[in-house]
Amino acid sequence: MLYIHDTRRFLSKITLAKIFNMAKVWSSFQITKWTGRPIQWGVPVTISIEPTTACNLRCPECPSGLRSFSRETGNLREDFFRTVIDDMHHRLIYLIFYFQGEPYINPKFLDMVRYAHDKGIYTITSTNGHFLHPENARKTVASGLDRILISIDGSTQEVYEQYRKEGTLETVLEGARNLVKARQEAGSSTPHIVFQMLVVRPNENQIEDVRRLAKEIGVDEVKLKTAQIYDYTQGHDLIPLQSQYSRYTPAGDGTWKLKNKMLNQCWKLWHACVITWDGIVVPCCFDKDAIHRLGDLRQKSFQDIWTGEAYTHFRNQLVKGREHIDICTNCTEGCKVWA
């Protein structure tokens, strides 16, 4: 479905320089697919940046929730963020304020959103919805945030808490109401509010109930997301029974496998990257513990990292045999993430 106001805002952020960069990135990716040799032109059209590694919930399948990071944890500093955006904003179309952790825990989060907004970047965040009290709701609208995804993984507390451990569904629903009200009071069409439902076995029969709640509250959109399961080969209690909501399928021998074929290509590695709270550049959101460190923005410029030896080596590895890269073996490249 096309959302007119949201689409207009997105298109308003696009400049000729951004279009030209996008064309270079896309062309180099196509040439790489055709030749089997990694060619990289242009710079990312989008980045994900991590406001914090901290989270108030304890969701399974999440290193923030499990408190299982082996890397350092902390909050993104505003001065460092501004340096990154000053360097990249001319060609950056959209910015995702999320990797691990709950963004609203960083006290400077909305100030950073405002800075990116003022630089002409379409901004997105994902939240568990527990910090959208009336004041934060008003500040969110005032920040210019373009899109917010609120996780709502069930229509009853009993089901919701099976994945969102230590979460309270009514707090999330009240937060959504606060945001809708703040937007109305400000006469604003931003942010575009999305209920994101991670479809797992306990909640797969509550999809229509979540859609009903969204309509009653005034949420703009409901998106159904398939879940990444770490140990899926022997099956898992979280894998939905309805196959259209699963990234995995029975292999026929009692085990499970990814639905998608393991092709030696990855669009994500050409048009995007992830920056951790402390400036480490990693290939994508599947590298949750920042194992594949391609550079450190505290020591090098992004351009030097993007075209540097580590990135070149990683792209070479991928086109030669993606199945040999650990984070790629449970990757959704070529798989349907949004149901």
Protein backbone atom coordinates (compact mmCIF):
# COMPACT_ATOMS: atom_id res chain seq x y z
CA MET A 1 0.00 0.00 0.00
CA LEU A 2 1.23 3.50 -0.87
CA TYR A 3 1.09 6.06 1.94
CA ILE A 4 0.97 9.44 0.19
CA HIS A 5 2.30 11.73 2.93
CA ASP A 6 5.11 9.35 3.84
CA THR A 7 6.06 8.81 0.19
CA ARG A 8 6.14 12.56 -0.47
CA ARG A 9 8.43 13.10 2.50
CA PHE A 10 10.76 10.37 1.33
CA LEU A 11 10.93 11.73 -2.21
CA SER A 12 11.52 15.26 -0.89
CA LYS A 13 14.83 14.09 0.60
CA ILE A 14 16.22 12.94 -2.75
CA THR A 15 18.63 15.20 -4.64
CA LEU A 16 20.44 14.81 -7.96
CA ALA A 17 23.65 13.94 -6.09
CA LYS A 18 21.84 11.16 -4.21
CA ILE A 19 20.27 9.82 -7.42
CA PHE A 20 23.66 9.78 -9.16
CA ASN A 21 25.25 7.97 -6.21
CA MET A 22 22.41 5.44 -6.13
CA ALA A 23 22.89 4.77 -9.86
CA LYS A 24 26.59 4.13 -9.32
CA VAL A 25 25.95 1.76 -6.42
CA TRP A 26 23.24 -0.18 -8.28
CA SER A 27 25.34 -0.42 -11.47
CA SER A 28 28.38 -1.74 -9.63
CA PHE A 29 26.24 -4.37 -7.88
CA GLN A 30 24.77 -5.55 -11.20
CA ILE A 31 28.22 -5.78 -12.77
CA THR A 32 29.41 -7.77 -9.75
CA LYS A 33 26.54 -10.24 -10.20
CA TRP A 34 27.26 -10.63 -13.93
CA THR A 35 31.03 -10.99 -13.66
CA GLY A 36 31.49 -12.62 -10.26
CA ARG A 37 34.11 -9.96 -9.49
CA PRO A 38 33.40 -7.40 -6.75
CA ILE A 39 33.09 -3.90 -8.18
CA GLN A 40 32.12 -1.06 -5.83
CA TRP A 41 31.17 2.42 -7.03
CA GLY A 42 29.58 5.12 -4.93
CA VAL A 43 28.90 5.14 -1.20
CA PRO A 44 26.00 3.81 0.91
CA VAL A 45 22.55 5.23 0.26
CA THR A 46 21.54 4.20 3.77
CA ILE A 47 23.20 3.39 7.07
CA SER A 48 22.01 1.95 10.35
CA ILE A 49 23.54 3.59 13.38
CA GLU A 50 23.25 2.27 16.91
CA PRO A 51 22.02 4.76 19.54
CA THR A 52 22.71 2.29 22.36
CA THR A 53 23.24 -1.37 23.16
CA ALA A 54 21.08 -1.13 26.30
CA CYS A 55 17.53 -2.47 26.47
CA ASN A 56 14.86 -2.66 29.14
CA LEU A 57 13.43 -5.96 27.82
CA ARG A 58 14.82 -9.50 27.70
CA CYS A 59 13.63 -10.89 24.39
CA PRO A 60 14.97 -14.30 23.32
CA GLU A 61 16.90 -14.38 20.03
CA CYS A 62 18.29 -10.91 20.84
CA PRO A 63 21.78 -10.25 22.25
CA SER A 64 20.60 -7.03 23.91
CA GLY A 65 17.78 -8.86 25.65
CA LEU A 66 19.98 -11.81 26.57
CA ARG A 67 22.79 -9.49 27.75
CA SER A 68 25.11 -11.68 25.71
CA PHE A 69 27.38 -9.20 23.90
CA SER A 70 31.07 -9.95 23.81
CA ARG A 71 31.77 -6.45 22.42
CA GLU A 72 31.81 -3.25 24.45
CA THR A 73 28.43 -1.68 25.25
CA GLY A 74 27.37 1.93 25.64
CA ASN A 75 25.57 4.95 24.18
CA LEU A 76 26.27 6.79 20.92
CA ARG A 77 27.78 10.22 21.60
CA GLU A 78 26.09 13.18 19.95
CA ASP A 79 29.33 14.88 18.89
CA PHE A 80 30.57 11.71 17.20
CA PHE A 81 27.19 11.25 15.48
CA ARG A 82 27.32 14.79 14.09
CA THR A 83 30.80 14.14 12.67
CA VAL A 84 29.54 11.02 10.88
CA ILE A 85 26.49 12.79 9.44
CA ASP A 86 28.49 15.84 8.36
CA ASP A 87 30.72 13.50 6.36
CA MET A 88 27.94 11.39 4.78
CA HIS A 89 24.72 13.39 4.47
CA HIS A 90 25.21 14.66 0.90
CA ARG A 91 24.57 11.18 -0.54
CA LEU A 92 22.63 9.55 2.27
CA ILE A 93 18.95 9.05 1.47
CA TYR A 94 17.74 7.48 4.70
CA LEU A 95 19.12 6.71 8.13
CA ILE A 96 17.96 3.94 10.46
CA PHE A 97 18.43 4.78 14.14
CA TYR A 98 18.59 1.19 15.24
CA PHE A 99 20.87 -1.81 15.40
CA GLN A 100 20.77 -3.32 18.87
CA GLY A 101 19.25 -1.87 22.04
CA GLU A 102 16.32 0.48 22.67
CA PRO A 103 17.00 3.91 21.06
CA TYR A 104 15.04 5.96 23.61
CA ILE A 105 17.42 4.87 26.39
CA ASN A 106 20.02 7.22 24.89
CA PRO A 107 19.10 10.65 26.34
CA LYS A 108 20.41 12.41 23.20
CA PHE A 109 18.54 10.20 20.74
CA LEU A 110 15.92 12.73 19.63
CA ASP A 111 18.51 15.52 19.38
CA MET A 112 20.41 13.32 16.93
CA VAL A 113 17.21 12.66 14.98
CA ARG A 114 16.67 16.41 14.69
CA TYR A 115 20.21 16.91 13.42
CA ALA A 116 19.79 14.28 10.70
CA HIS A 117 16.39 15.71 9.77
CA ASP A 118 17.91 19.18 9.37
CA LYS A 119 20.53 17.66 7.05
CA GLY A 120 17.80 16.45 4.68
CA ILE A 121 17.89 12.74 5.58
CA TYR A 122 14.79 10.55 5.89
CA THR A 123 14.93 9.14 9.44
CA ILE A 124 13.58 5.86 10.81
CA THR A 125 13.70 4.19 14.19
CA SER A 126 12.43 1.01 15.79
CA THR A 127 11.33 0.91 19.43
CA ASN A 128 9.72 -1.46 21.89
CA GLY A 129 7.33 1.37 22.77
CA HIS A 130 7.92 1.53 26.52
CA PHE A 131 9.30 5.10 26.55
CA LEU A 132 6.59 6.93 24.59
CA HIS A 133 5.16 8.83 27.54
CA PRO A 134 3.44 12.14 26.65
CA GLU A 135 6.60 14.28 26.87
CA ASN A 136 8.68 11.90 24.74
CA ALA A 137 5.81 11.63 22.27
CA ARG A 138 5.78 15.42 21.84
CA LYS A 139 9.57 15.51 21.50
CA THR A 140 9.44 12.73 18.92
CA VAL A 141 7.03 14.70 16.75
CA ALA A 142 9.09 17.89 17.20
CA SER A 143 12.32 16.07 16.22
CA GLY A 144 11.10 15.58 12.65
CA LEU A 145 11.42 11.78 12.81
CA ASP A 146 9.89 10.45 9.58
CA ARG A 147 8.98 6.88 10.51
CA ILE A 148 8.72 4.91 13.74
CA LEU A 149 8.25 1.15 14.05
CA ILE A 150 6.68 0.09 17.34
CA SER A 151 7.10 -3.59 18.20
CA ILE A 152 3.82 -5.22 19.18
CA ASP A 153 4.09 -8.98 19.19
CA GLY A 154 0.65 -9.94 20.43
CA SER A 155 -2.77 -8.53 21.26
CA THR A 156 -2.92 -9.88 24.83
CA GLN A 157 -0.39 -9.59 27.65
CA GLU A 158 -0.17 -13.37 27.96
CA VAL A 159 0.94 -13.80 24.35
CA TYR A 160 2.93 -10.55 24.07
CA GLU A 161 5.21 -11.39 27.00
CA GLN A 162 6.13 -14.79 25.57
CA TYR A 163 8.56 -12.98 23.25
CA ARG A 164 8.81 -9.48 24.76
CA LYS A 165 10.06 -10.70 28.11
CA GLU A 166 9.49 -8.19 30.95
CA GLY A 167 7.42 -6.00 28.62
CA THR A 168 3.93 -4.62 29.26
CA LEU A 169 1.53 -4.52 26.31
CA GLU A 170 -0.67 -1.77 27.76
CA THR A 171 2.37 0.50 28.12
CA VAL A 172 3.09 0.03 24.42
CA LEU A 173 -0.52 0.71 23.41
CA GLU A 174 -0.65 3.81 25.61
CA GLY A 175 2.62 4.99 24.07
CA ALA A 176 1.14 4.64 20.60
CA ARG A 177 -1.92 6.63 21.70
CA ASN A 178 0.37 9.34 23.10
CA LEU A 179 2.24 9.56 19.81
CA VAL A 180 -0.94 9.75 17.73
CA LYS A 181 -2.28 12.47 20.04
CA ALA A 182 0.99 14.46 19.97
CA ARG A 183 1.03 14.33 16.19
CA GLN A 184 -2.56 15.54 15.98
CA GLU A 185 -1.97 18.38 18.46
CA ALA A 186 1.07 19.53 16.47
CA GLY A 187 -0.85 19.38 13.18
CA SER A 188 1.89 17.12 11.84
CA SER A 189 1.87 14.10 9.56
CA THR A 190 5.13 12.80 11.06
CA PRO A 191 6.21 10.38 12.15
CA HIS A 192 4.53 7.70 10.04
CA ILE A 193 3.55 5.22 12.78
CA VAL A 194 3.92 1.51 12.14
CA PHE A 195 2.98 -1.42 14.35
CA GLN A 196 5.64 -4.03 13.60
CA MET A 197 4.56 -7.53 14.54
CA LEU A 198 7.26 -10.16 14.69
CA VAL A 199 5.24 -13.23 13.78
CA VAL A 200 6.12 -16.27 15.88
CA ARG A 201 4.15 -19.36 16.81
CA PRO A 202 2.61 -17.97 20.03
CA ASN A 203 1.12 -14.90 18.26
CA GLU A 204 0.44 -15.99 14.68
CA ASN A 205 -3.30 -16.28 15.39
CA GLN A 206 -3.50 -12.71 16.74
CA ILE A 207 -2.59 -10.87 13.54
CA GLU A 208 -6.10 -9.61 12.87
CA ASP A 209 -6.42 -8.51 16.52
CA VAL A 210 -3.26 -6.41 16.15
CA ARG A 211 -4.63 -4.86 12.96
CA ARG A 212 -7.83 -4.00 14.83
CA LEU A 213 -5.86 -2.37 17.67
CA ALA A 214 -3.87 -0.31 15.16
CA LYS A 215 -7.05 0.97 13.53
CA GLU A 216 -8.65 1.84 16.87
CA ILE A 217 -5.59 3.80 18.03
CA GLY A 218 -4.94 5.57 14.72
CA VAL A 219 -1.69 3.84 13.76
CA ASP A 220 -0.89 4.29 10.07
CA GLU A 221 0.30 0.83 9.13
CA VAL A 222 0.82 -2.72 10.36
CA LYS A 223 3.84 -4.65 9.10
CA LEU A 224 4.28 -8.36 9.68
CA LYS A 225 7.92 -9.43 10.03
CA THR A 226 9.27 -12.96 9.89
CA ALA A 227 11.55 -13.90 12.77
CA GLN A 228 15.22 -14.80 12.63
CA ILE A 229 15.83 -17.93 14.71
CA TYR A 230 19.41 -18.73 15.70
CA ASP A 231 19.10 -22.50 16.25
CA TYR A 232 16.55 -23.42 13.61
CA THR A 233 17.98 -26.64 12.11
CA GLN A 234 16.16 -28.91 14.58
CA GLY A 235 13.02 -26.81 14.58
CA HIS A 236 12.05 -24.27 17.23
CA ASP A 237 8.99 -23.38 19.32
CA LEU A 238 9.01 -19.87 17.80
CA ILE A 239 8.77 -21.00 14.15
CA PRO A 240 5.19 -20.31 13.01
CA LEU A 241 2.98 -23.14 11.81
CA GLN A 242 1.75 -20.96 8.94
CA SER A 243 4.61 -21.17 6.45
CA GLN A 244 4.05 -17.73 4.91
CA TYR A 245 5.23 -16.20 8.20
CA SER A 246 8.44 -18.22 8.46
CA ARG A 247 11.91 -17.80 6.97
CA TYR A 248 12.45 -21.55 7.38
CA THR A 249 11.01 -24.71 5.88
CA PRO A 250 11.31 -28.46 6.61
CA ALA A 251 14.25 -29.99 4.75
CA GLY A 252 12.53 -33.38 4.42
CA ASP A 253 14.93 -35.27 6.68
CA GLY A 254 13.64 -34.08 10.05
CA THR A 255 15.69 -30.88 10.00
CA TRP A 256 14.87 -27.32 8.90
CA LYS A 257 16.53 -25.03 6.38
CA LEU A 258 16.33 -21.46 5.11
CA LYS A 259 13.78 -20.95 2.35
CA ASN A 260 16.12 -18.89 0.22
CA LYS A 261 18.96 -20.22 -1.89
CA MET A 262 22.47 -19.28 -0.79
CA LEU A 263 23.51 -17.10 -3.74
CA ASN A 264 26.94 -15.49 -3.78
CA GLN A 265 25.60 -11.95 -3.84
CA CYS A 266 24.27 -9.42 -1.34
CA TRP A 267 22.66 -6.08 -2.17
CA LYS A 268 23.01 -5.00 1.44
CA LEU A 269 26.80 -5.11 1.25
CA TRP A 270 26.76 -2.70 -1.69
CA HIS A 271 24.20 -0.07 -0.67
CA ALA A 272 24.28 -0.04 3.15
CA CYS A 273 26.28 -0.66 6.30
CA VAL A 274 25.96 -0.58 10.08
CA ILE A 275 27.82 1.68 12.49
CA THR A 276 27.94 0.66 16.14
CA TRP A 277 27.60 3.13 19.01
CA ASP A 278 31.40 3.35 19.29
CA GLY A 279 32.15 3.82 15.59
CA ILE A 280 32.86 0.28 14.38
CA VAL A 281 31.70 -0.31 10.79
CA VAL A 282 30.24 -3.79 10.22
CA PRO A 283 28.69 -5.28 7.04
CA CYS A 284 25.06 -5.57 8.09
CA CYS A 285 22.53 -6.07 10.88
CA PHE A 286 23.25 -9.82 11.05
CA ASP A 287 26.64 -9.09 12.61
CA LYS A 288 25.05 -8.29 15.96
CA ASP A 289 28.21 -8.78 17.99
CA ALA A 290 30.40 -6.84 15.51
CA ILE A 291 32.64 -9.79 14.73
CA HIS A 292 33.44 -8.66 11.18
CA ARG A 293 35.00 -5.28 11.88
CA LEU A 294 35.68 -3.51 8.62
CA GLY A 295 36.97 -0.29 10.13
CA ASP A 296 36.83 2.17 13.02
CA LEU A 297 35.50 5.68 12.35
CA ARG A 298 37.47 6.96 15.31
CA GLN A 299 40.62 6.16 13.37
CA LYS A 300 39.75 6.41 9.65
CA SER A 301 37.33 8.29 7.40
CA PHE A 302 34.31 6.40 6.12
CA GLN A 303 35.55 6.67 2.53
CA ASP A 304 38.84 5.03 3.50
CA ILE A 305 36.97 2.21 5.25
CA TRP A 306 34.39 1.72 2.45
CA THR A 307 37.11 1.32 -0.19
CA GLY A 308 39.71 -0.19 2.12
CA GLU A 309 41.36 -3.58 2.30
CA ALA A 310 39.01 -5.14 4.89
CA TYR A 311 35.84 -4.25 2.96
CA THR A 312 37.38 -5.39 -0.34
CA HIS A 313 38.40 -8.70 1.23
CA PHE A 314 34.93 -9.26 2.68
CA ARG A 315 33.24 -8.58 -0.68
CA ASN A 316 35.68 -11.00 -2.33
CA GLN A 317 34.82 -13.65 0.23
CA LEU A 318 31.13 -13.18 -0.42
CA VAL A 319 31.20 -13.50 -4.20
CA LYS A 320 33.42 -16.59 -3.95
CA GLY A 321 31.38 -18.47 -1.35
CA ARG A 322 28.81 -16.82 0.87
CA GLU A 323 28.14 -20.09 2.69
CA HIS A 324 31.60 -19.83 4.28
CA ILE A 325 30.79 -16.55 6.10
CA ASP A 326 29.17 -17.27 9.46
CA ILE A 327 26.72 -14.34 9.51
CA CYS A 328 25.54 -15.23 5.99
CA THR A 329 24.42 -18.76 6.85
CA ASN A 330 21.24 -17.52 8.57
CA CYS A 331 20.72 -14.49 6.34
CA THR A 332 17.53 -13.37 4.68
CA GLU A 333 19.14 -12.19 1.41
CA GLY A 334 16.69 -13.38 -1.22
CA CYS A 335 14.17 -14.36 1.47
CA LYS A 336 10.88 -12.67 2.32
CA VAL A 337 11.39 -10.67 5.52
CA TRP A 338 8.05 -8.85 5.46
CA ALA A 339 5.09 -11.24 5.25
